[in-house]
């Protein structure tokens, strides 16, 4: 999955001379939490977040009256509070590797740039959540089964064949290793929705066939 497939392409950006007050209004009006800052050529030179604006604003304990407060915020420019030279994403990066960068850097979002460092999009935590919903198939409903399977023993095809024989249709299969030395891997298998009775039967059959492997099951989302 590439960043360009999930990024927001219609980016709202501002220039370094934009006032902090205007930047705050743009965020509120568009219900966003960060704005890339670009120069006249469209190169990314910074990023400003609603948190930056809150930290730059006078506290509620200030003795300034409202007119003085608005004057100060109107005079303060984004370039005075923005994070300069932010880490940017590239459209051909994978979303997975980008998520690692965002966690490591504690970024809520990253501008996406082309080869000339010109902005072409932005990707945020909300986009990462959309990816998660998509690859897990959770929005389709259906039950999810969690297994602990031995690494290198070919157990996953056996489990999937058993599910097929039980009448289940698989939506997604996700797995993870807790460490490189792990003897087992955690496998999550989501199924298309079935009547409650059929789902209960499948769980019973899986517990019979794989008593030491099946950890738990999670019912799917039901339509209200």
Protein backbone atom coordinates (compact mmCIF):
# COMPACT_ATOMS: atom_id res chain seq x y z
CA UNK A 1 0.00 0.00 0.00
CA UNK A 2 1.53 3.26 -1.13
CA UNK A 3 1.16 6.64 0.53
CA UNK A 4 -0.24 8.19 -2.65
CA UNK A 5 -3.22 5.81 -2.47
CA UNK A 6 -4.24 7.01 1.00
CA UNK A 7 -3.01 10.58 1.37
CA UNK A 8 -5.31 13.60 1.22
CA UNK A 9 -4.51 15.25 -2.10
CA UNK A 10 -6.44 18.49 -1.63
CA UNK A 11 -4.06 20.02 0.87
CA UNK A 12 -4.80 23.23 2.71
CA UNK A 13 -1.48 25.00 3.21
CA UNK A 14 -0.33 28.44 4.33
CA UNK A 15 2.71 30.62 3.80
CA UNK A 16 5.21 31.58 6.51
CA UNK A 17 3.82 35.11 6.81
CA UNK A 18 0.28 33.96 7.62
CA UNK A 19 -0.84 35.26 11.00
CA UNK A 20 -1.32 32.80 13.83
CA UNK A 21 -4.90 34.03 14.21
CA UNK A 22 -5.69 33.27 10.57
CA UNK A 23 -4.03 29.85 10.78
CA UNK A 24 -6.15 29.05 13.83
CA UNK A 25 -9.32 30.09 12.01
CA UNK A 26 -8.42 27.97 8.97
CA UNK A 27 -7.95 24.90 11.18
CA UNK A 28 -11.25 25.45 12.98
CA UNK A 29 -13.20 26.13 9.79
CA UNK A 30 -11.84 23.00 8.09
CA UNK A 31 -11.75 20.81 11.20
CA UNK A 32 -8.07 19.96 10.82
CA UNK A 33 -5.24 19.91 13.35
CA UNK A 34 -2.18 20.87 11.29
CA UNK A 35 -1.20 22.97 8.31
CA UNK A 36 1.85 22.55 6.07
CA UNK A 37 3.74 25.80 5.57
CA UNK A 38 5.04 26.33 2.02
CA UNK A 39 7.04 29.01 0.25
CA UNK A 40 5.99 30.74 -2.97
CA UNK A 41 7.24 27.83 -5.08
CA UNK A 42 5.28 25.27 -3.09
CA UNK A 43 8.26 23.84 -1.22
CA UNK A 44 7.50 22.64 2.30
CA UNK A 45 9.38 24.81 4.82
CA UNK A 46 7.47 23.97 7.98
CA UNK A 47 4.34 22.66 9.64
CA UNK A 48 2.17 24.19 12.33
CA UNK A 49 -0.33 22.38 14.53
CA UNK A 50 -3.21 23.48 16.72
CA UNK A 51 -1.00 22.55 19.65
CA UNK A 52 1.67 25.01 18.48
CA UNK A 53 -0.95 27.73 18.34
CA UNK A 54 -2.28 26.95 21.81
CA UNK A 55 1.24 27.05 23.24
CA UNK A 56 1.94 30.37 21.54
CA UNK A 57 -1.30 31.99 22.73
CA UNK A 58 -1.36 33.97 25.98
CA UNK A 59 -2.72 32.03 28.94
CA UNK A 60 -6.16 32.68 30.36
CA UNK A 61 -4.44 34.41 33.30
CA UNK A 62 -3.12 37.19 31.05
CA UNK A 63 -3.90 40.78 32.01
CA UNK A 64 -4.29 41.75 28.35
CA UNK A 65 -7.72 42.87 27.28
CA UNK A 66 -9.40 41.31 24.25
CA UNK A 67 -8.25 43.98 21.80
CA UNK A 68 -4.62 43.65 22.89
CA UNK A 69 -4.86 39.86 22.68
CA UNK A 70 -6.22 39.93 19.13
CA UNK A 71 -3.57 42.46 18.15
CA UNK A 72 -0.74 40.23 19.41
CA UNK A 73 -2.11 37.14 17.69
CA UNK A 74 -2.63 39.13 14.51
CA UNK A 75 0.98 40.32 14.55
CA UNK A 76 2.46 36.90 15.37
CA UNK A 77 3.27 35.00 12.17
CA UNK A 78 3.25 31.28 11.61
CA UNK A 79 6.97 31.35 10.80
CA UNK A 80 7.61 32.36 14.41
CA UNK A 81 6.07 29.20 15.88
CA UNK A 82 6.15 26.53 13.15
CA UNK A 83 8.33 23.41 13.19
CA UNK A 84 10.92 24.07 10.49
CA UNK A 85 12.06 21.56 7.89
CA UNK A 86 9.58 18.88 8.97
CA UNK A 87 10.02 15.21 8.14
CA UNK A 88 8.07 14.62 4.94
CA UNK A 89 6.68 11.52 3.28
CA UNK A 90 7.04 10.52 -0.36
CA UNK A 91 4.18 9.18 -2.43
CA UNK A 92 5.96 5.91 -3.24
CA UNK A 93 6.66 5.03 0.40
CA UNK A 94 4.62 2.27 1.94
CA UNK A 95 2.00 3.26 4.47
CA UNK A 96 3.40 0.64 6.86
CA UNK A 97 6.90 2.14 6.90
CA UNK A 98 5.41 5.61 7.26
CA UNK A 99 3.40 4.48 10.29
CA UNK A 100 6.66 3.34 11.92
CA UNK A 101 8.14 6.81 11.32
CA UNK A 102 5.07 8.52 12.74
CA UNK A 103 5.16 6.42 15.90
CA UNK A 104 8.90 6.92 16.36
CA UNK A 105 8.70 10.66 15.79
CA UNK A 106 5.35 11.10 17.55
CA UNK A 107 3.95 12.80 14.46
CA UNK A 108 0.22 13.26 14.08
CA UNK A 109 0.62 13.86 10.36
CA UNK A 110 3.23 14.41 7.65
CA UNK A 111 3.29 16.45 4.44
CA UNK A 112 3.77 14.39 1.28
CA UNK A 113 6.20 15.88 -1.25
CA UNK A 114 7.49 15.12 -4.73
CA UNK A 115 11.11 14.86 -5.84
CA UNK A 116 11.51 18.66 -5.66
CA UNK A 117 10.13 18.85 -2.11
CA UNK A 118 6.91 20.43 -3.39
CA UNK A 119 3.78 19.53 -1.51
CA UNK A 120 1.37 17.10 -3.20
CA UNK A 121 -0.58 15.81 -0.20
CA UNK A 122 -0.74 15.17 3.51
CA UNK A 123 -1.19 11.94 5.45
CA UNK A 124 -2.39 11.81 9.05
CA UNK A 125 -3.26 9.35 11.78
CA UNK A 126 -6.83 9.33 10.48
CA UNK A 127 -5.56 8.05 7.13
CA UNK A 128 -3.60 5.30 8.90
CA UNK A 129 -6.81 4.31 10.70
CA UNK A 130 -8.57 4.11 7.32
CA UNK A 131 -5.86 1.75 6.12
CA UNK A 132 -6.32 -0.40 9.22
CA UNK A 133 -10.08 -0.60 8.68
CA UNK A 134 -9.56 -1.48 5.03
CA UNK A 135 -7.00 -4.27 5.43
CA UNK A 136 -8.77 -5.90 8.37
CA UNK A 137 -12.19 -5.85 6.70
CA UNK A 138 -13.75 -4.94 10.05
CA UNK A 139 -16.31 -2.65 8.40
CA UNK A 140 -17.83 -5.71 6.73
CA UNK A 141 -18.67 -7.17 10.12
CA UNK A 142 -18.10 -10.84 10.65
CA UNK A 143 -16.29 -12.73 13.37
CA UNK A 144 -12.55 -12.62 13.96
CA UNK A 145 -10.63 -15.64 15.26
CA UNK A 146 -7.21 -15.39 16.89
CA UNK A 147 -4.77 -18.31 16.75
CA UNK A 148 -1.27 -18.93 18.10
CA UNK A 149 0.39 -21.13 15.49
CA UNK A 150 3.88 -22.69 15.53
CA UNK A 151 6.30 -20.97 13.17
CA UNK A 152 7.47 -23.03 10.21
CA UNK A 153 5.11 -25.98 10.68
CA UNK A 154 2.61 -25.15 7.95
CA UNK A 155 -0.35 -24.93 10.33
CA UNK A 156 -1.98 -21.90 8.74
CA UNK A 157 -3.09 -23.70 5.53
CA UNK A 158 -4.54 -26.45 7.71
CA UNK A 159 -6.54 -23.93 9.74
CA UNK A 160 -7.78 -22.16 6.63
CA UNK A 161 -8.86 -25.43 5.02
CA UNK A 162 -10.73 -26.37 8.20
CA UNK A 163 -12.55 -23.04 8.09
CA UNK A 164 -13.43 -23.58 4.45
CA UNK A 165 -14.80 -27.03 5.24
CA UNK A 166 -16.93 -25.49 7.99
CA UNK A 167 -18.58 -23.14 5.49
CA UNK A 168 -16.68 -19.99 6.48
CA UNK A 169 -15.53 -17.40 3.93
CA UNK A 170 -12.35 -15.57 4.85
CA UNK A 171 -12.14 -11.78 4.54
CA UNK A 172 -8.62 -11.13 5.83
CA UNK A 173 -5.62 -12.86 7.41
CA UNK A 174 -3.16 -10.86 9.50
CA UNK A 175 -0.21 -12.22 11.46
CA UNK A 176 2.58 -10.94 13.67
CA UNK A 177 5.68 -12.17 15.46
CA UNK A 178 6.37 -10.73 18.90
CA UNK A 179 10.10 -11.23 18.35
CA UNK A 180 12.55 -12.77 15.89
CA UNK A 181 13.01 -15.71 18.27
CA UNK A 182 9.30 -16.31 18.78
CA UNK A 183 8.25 -19.96 18.45
CA UNK A 184 4.69 -19.00 17.54
CA UNK A 185 3.00 -16.32 15.55
CA UNK A 186 -0.32 -14.68 16.30
CA UNK A 187 -2.74 -15.03 13.38
CA UNK A 188 -6.03 -13.12 13.09
CA UNK A 189 -8.59 -14.43 10.62
CA UNK A 190 -11.75 -12.46 9.86
CA UNK A 191 -14.77 -14.16 8.32
CA UNK A 192 -17.71 -12.86 6.35
CA UNK A 193 -20.82 -12.42 8.50
CA UNK A 194 -22.85 -15.56 9.21
CA UNK A 195 -25.93 -16.24 11.32
CA UNK A 196 -25.17 -16.42 15.05
CA UNK A 197 -25.79 -20.17 15.13
CA UNK A 198 -23.27 -20.80 12.34
CA UNK A 199 -20.63 -18.62 13.97
CA UNK A 200 -21.09 -20.46 17.26
CA UNK A 201 -20.75 -23.79 15.45
CA UNK A 202 -17.55 -22.69 13.74
CA UNK A 203 -16.04 -21.63 17.07
CA UNK A 204 -16.91 -25.02 18.58
CA UNK A 205 -15.35 -26.84 15.63
CA UNK A 206 -12.17 -24.75 15.76
CA UNK A 207 -11.84 -25.35 19.51
CA UNK A 208 -12.19 -29.08 18.87
CA UNK A 209 -9.76 -29.18 15.94
CA UNK A 210 -7.22 -26.70 17.34
CA UNK A 211 -7.67 -26.72 21.13
CA UNK A 212 -4.24 -25.34 21.95
CA UNK A 213 -4.10 -22.83 19.10
CA UNK A 214 -7.42 -20.97 19.18
CA UNK A 215 -7.05 -18.13 21.67
CA UNK A 216 -10.32 -16.28 21.37
CA UNK A 217 -12.94 -15.01 18.98
CA UNK A 218 -14.39 -11.53 18.60
CA UNK A 219 -17.97 -11.12 17.33
CA UNK A 220 -18.34 -8.86 14.32
CA UNK A 221 -20.13 -5.53 14.12
CA UNK A 222 -23.86 -6.00 13.89
CA UNK A 223 -26.15 -3.65 12.01
CA UNK A 224 -28.33 -1.65 14.38
